[in-house]
């Protein structure tokens, strides 16, 4: 299963790595592909994950969570 998270505030590779680390720490996330250029993170999931957990991870990384598609 795959979900795309819209994120605002990322501008560089460091931002991408920080968000990737936080998202991959969420239980159920098997991988995260983060793009500062697109303002997105595409996460691969082992099982359904509550949107609140994505929001918390993005905010913990210091960026603005917008939505999950």
N, C-alpha and C. Protein backbone atom coordinates (compact mmCIF):
# COMPACT_ATOMS: atom_id res chain seq x y z
N UNK A 1 0.84 -1.17 0.00
CA UNK A 1 0.00 0.00 0.00
C UNK A 1 0.89 1.24 0.00
N UNK A 2 0.44 2.27 -0.70
CA UNK A 2 1.25 3.48 -0.84
C UNK A 2 0.37 4.71 -0.59
N UNK A 3 0.94 5.70 0.09
CA UNK A 3 0.23 6.97 0.34
C UNK A 3 1.20 8.11 0.03
N UNK A 4 0.66 9.24 -0.40
CA UNK A 4 1.46 10.43 -0.66
C UNK A 4 1.08 11.50 0.36
N UNK A 5 2.09 12.03 1.02
CA UNK A 5 1.89 13.06 2.03
C UNK A 5 2.38 14.39 1.47
N UNK A 6 1.54 15.40 1.52
CA UNK A 6 1.91 16.75 1.08
C UNK A 6 2.52 17.48 2.28
N UNK A 7 3.72 18.05 2.07
CA UNK A 7 4.47 18.70 3.14
C UNK A 7 4.96 20.06 2.66
N UNK A 8 4.87 21.07 3.52
CA UNK A 8 5.40 22.39 3.19
C UNK A 8 6.59 22.73 4.07
N UNK A 9 7.52 23.49 3.51
CA UNK A 9 8.66 23.98 4.28
C UNK A 9 9.99 23.32 3.99
N UNK A 10 9.99 22.25 3.19
CA UNK A 10 11.26 21.59 2.87
C UNK A 10 11.93 22.33 1.71
N UNK A 11 13.27 22.46 1.79
CA UNK A 11 13.97 23.18 0.73
C UNK A 11 15.25 22.51 0.24
N UNK A 12 15.69 21.45 0.90
CA UNK A 12 16.98 20.86 0.53
C UNK A 12 17.05 19.37 0.88
N UNK A 13 18.18 18.79 0.55
CA UNK A 13 18.43 17.37 0.81
C UNK A 13 18.38 17.06 2.31
N UNK A 14 18.90 17.98 3.11
CA UNK A 14 18.87 17.79 4.56
C UNK A 14 17.43 17.69 5.05
N UNK A 15 16.57 18.54 4.53
CA UNK A 15 15.14 18.51 4.89
C UNK A 15 14.55 17.14 4.53
N UNK A 16 14.85 16.68 3.32
CA UNK A 16 14.33 15.38 2.86
C UNK A 16 14.77 14.26 3.80
N UNK A 17 16.04 14.25 4.16
CA UNK A 17 16.57 13.20 5.03
C UNK A 17 15.94 13.23 6.42
N UNK A 18 15.71 14.43 6.93
CA UNK A 18 15.12 14.57 8.26
C UNK A 18 13.69 14.02 8.27
N UNK A 19 12.90 14.38 7.25
CA UNK A 19 11.52 13.89 7.15
C UNK A 19 11.51 12.38 6.92
N UNK A 20 12.39 11.90 6.06
CA UNK A 20 12.49 10.45 5.78
C UNK A 20 12.74 9.67 7.07
N UNK A 21 13.67 10.13 7.87
CA UNK A 21 14.01 9.45 9.12
C UNK A 21 12.80 9.38 10.05
N UNK A 22 12.08 10.50 10.19
CA UNK A 22 10.91 10.53 11.08
C UNK A 22 9.78 9.64 10.56
N UNK A 23 9.52 9.69 9.26
CA UNK A 23 8.44 8.87 8.70
C UNK A 23 8.76 7.38 8.79
N UNK A 24 10.01 7.01 8.53
CA UNK A 24 10.38 5.59 8.58
C UNK A 24 10.38 5.04 10.01
N UNK A 25 10.33 5.93 11.01
CA UNK A 25 10.24 5.49 12.40
C UNK A 25 8.79 5.17 12.80
N UNK A 26 7.83 5.55 11.96
CA UNK A 26 6.42 5.28 12.24
C UNK A 26 6.14 3.80 12.01
N UNK A 27 5.50 3.16 12.98
CA UNK A 27 5.15 1.74 12.87
C UNK A 27 4.23 1.52 11.66
N UNK A 28 4.63 0.62 10.78
CA UNK A 28 3.84 0.32 9.59
C UNK A 28 4.43 0.89 8.32
N UNK A 29 5.33 1.88 8.45
CA UNK A 29 5.98 2.48 7.27
C UNK A 29 7.22 1.64 6.96
N UNK A 30 7.27 1.10 5.74
CA UNK A 30 8.42 0.28 5.35
C UNK A 30 9.48 1.10 4.63
N UNK A 31 9.06 2.19 3.95
CA UNK A 31 10.02 3.09 3.31
C UNK A 31 9.33 4.42 3.01
N UNK A 32 10.16 5.45 2.84
CA UNK A 32 9.66 6.78 2.50
C UNK A 32 10.57 7.41 1.45
N UNK A 33 9.97 7.93 0.39
CA UNK A 33 10.70 8.62 -0.67
C UNK A 33 10.26 10.08 -0.60
N UNK A 34 11.15 10.96 -0.15
CA UNK A 34 10.80 12.35 0.13
C UNK A 34 11.41 13.27 -0.92
N UNK A 35 10.60 14.22 -1.42
CA UNK A 35 11.06 15.18 -2.42
C UNK A 35 10.76 16.60 -1.96
N UNK A 36 11.82 17.38 -1.71
CA UNK A 36 11.65 18.78 -1.34
C UNK A 36 11.11 19.57 -2.53
N UNK A 37 11.55 19.22 -3.75
CA UNK A 37 11.10 19.91 -4.95
C UNK A 37 9.59 19.79 -5.14
N UNK A 38 9.07 18.59 -4.92
CA UNK A 38 7.63 18.34 -5.10
C UNK A 38 6.83 18.65 -3.84
N UNK A 39 7.52 18.72 -2.70
CA UNK A 39 6.81 18.95 -1.44
C UNK A 39 6.00 17.74 -1.02
N UNK A 40 6.55 16.55 -1.31
CA UNK A 40 5.81 15.32 -0.99
C UNK A 40 6.72 14.27 -0.36
N UNK A 41 6.05 13.32 0.27
CA UNK A 41 6.70 12.10 0.74
C UNK A 41 5.78 10.95 0.32
N UNK A 42 6.33 10.00 -0.42
CA UNK A 42 5.58 8.82 -0.81
C UNK A 42 6.02 7.70 0.13
N UNK A 43 5.07 7.20 0.91
CA UNK A 43 5.40 6.16 1.89
C UNK A 43 4.80 4.83 1.47
N UNK A 44 5.61 3.78 1.65
CA UNK A 44 5.16 2.41 1.44
C UNK A 44 4.75 1.87 2.81
N UNK A 45 3.58 1.24 2.87
CA UNK A 45 3.05 0.78 4.15
C UNK A 45 2.87 -0.73 4.19
N UNK A 46 3.19 -1.30 5.34
CA UNK A 46 2.96 -2.72 5.58
C UNK A 46 1.50 -2.95 5.95
N UNK A 47 0.89 -1.94 6.56
CA UNK A 47 -0.53 -1.97 6.94
C UNK A 47 -1.03 -0.54 7.07
N UNK A 48 -2.33 -0.38 7.21
CA UNK A 48 -2.93 0.97 7.32
C UNK A 48 -2.34 1.72 8.52
N UNK A 49 -2.03 2.98 8.32
CA UNK A 49 -1.46 3.83 9.38
C UNK A 49 -2.36 5.06 9.52
N UNK A 50 -2.68 5.42 10.75
CA UNK A 50 -3.52 6.59 11.02
C UNK A 50 -2.82 7.86 10.56
N UNK A 51 -3.56 8.72 9.88
CA UNK A 51 -3.03 9.99 9.36
C UNK A 51 -2.40 10.84 10.47
N UNK A 52 -2.90 10.72 11.68
CA UNK A 52 -2.37 11.48 12.82
C UNK A 52 -0.89 11.15 13.05
N UNK A 53 -0.50 9.92 12.80
CA UNK A 53 0.91 9.52 12.99
C UNK A 53 1.82 10.16 11.95
N UNK A 54 1.31 10.28 10.72
CA UNK A 54 2.09 10.97 9.68
C UNK A 54 2.26 12.44 10.06
N UNK A 55 1.18 13.05 10.51
CA UNK A 55 1.20 14.46 10.90
C UNK A 55 2.22 14.69 12.02
N UNK A 56 2.20 13.82 13.02
CA UNK A 56 3.13 13.95 14.15
C UNK A 56 4.57 13.81 13.69
N UNK A 57 4.85 12.87 12.79
CA UNK A 57 6.22 12.64 12.31
C UNK A 57 6.73 13.85 11.51
N UNK A 58 5.88 14.38 10.63
CA UNK A 58 6.28 15.54 9.82
C UNK A 58 6.54 16.75 10.72
N UNK A 59 5.66 16.97 11.69
CA UNK A 59 5.83 18.10 12.59
C UNK A 59 7.03 17.92 13.51
N UNK A 60 7.32 16.69 13.90
CA UNK A 60 8.50 16.39 14.72
C UNK A 60 9.78 16.75 13.95
N UNK A 61 9.73 16.54 12.62
CA UNK A 61 10.87 16.88 11.77
C UNK A 61 10.99 18.39 11.55
N UNK A 62 9.94 19.13 11.93
CA UNK A 62 10.01 20.59 11.83
C UNK A 62 9.35 21.19 10.61
N UNK A 63 8.46 20.43 9.95
CA UNK A 63 7.82 20.89 8.73
C UNK A 63 6.31 20.85 8.88
N UNK A 64 5.62 21.43 7.90
CA UNK A 64 4.17 21.55 7.97
C UNK A 64 3.47 20.43 7.20
N UNK A 65 2.71 19.63 7.91
CA UNK A 65 1.88 18.58 7.31
C UNK A 65 0.67 19.25 6.66
N UNK A 66 0.38 18.90 5.39
CA UNK A 66 -0.75 19.49 4.70
C UNK A 66 -1.88 18.46 4.57
N UNK A 67 -1.57 17.30 3.95
CA UNK A 67 -2.61 16.28 3.76
C UNK A 67 -1.98 14.96 3.32
N UNK A 68 -2.83 13.91 3.37
CA UNK A 68 -2.45 12.60 2.85
C UNK A 68 -3.37 12.31 1.68
N UNK A 69 -2.79 11.87 0.57
CA UNK A 69 -3.59 11.52 -0.61
C UNK A 69 -3.59 10.02 -0.80
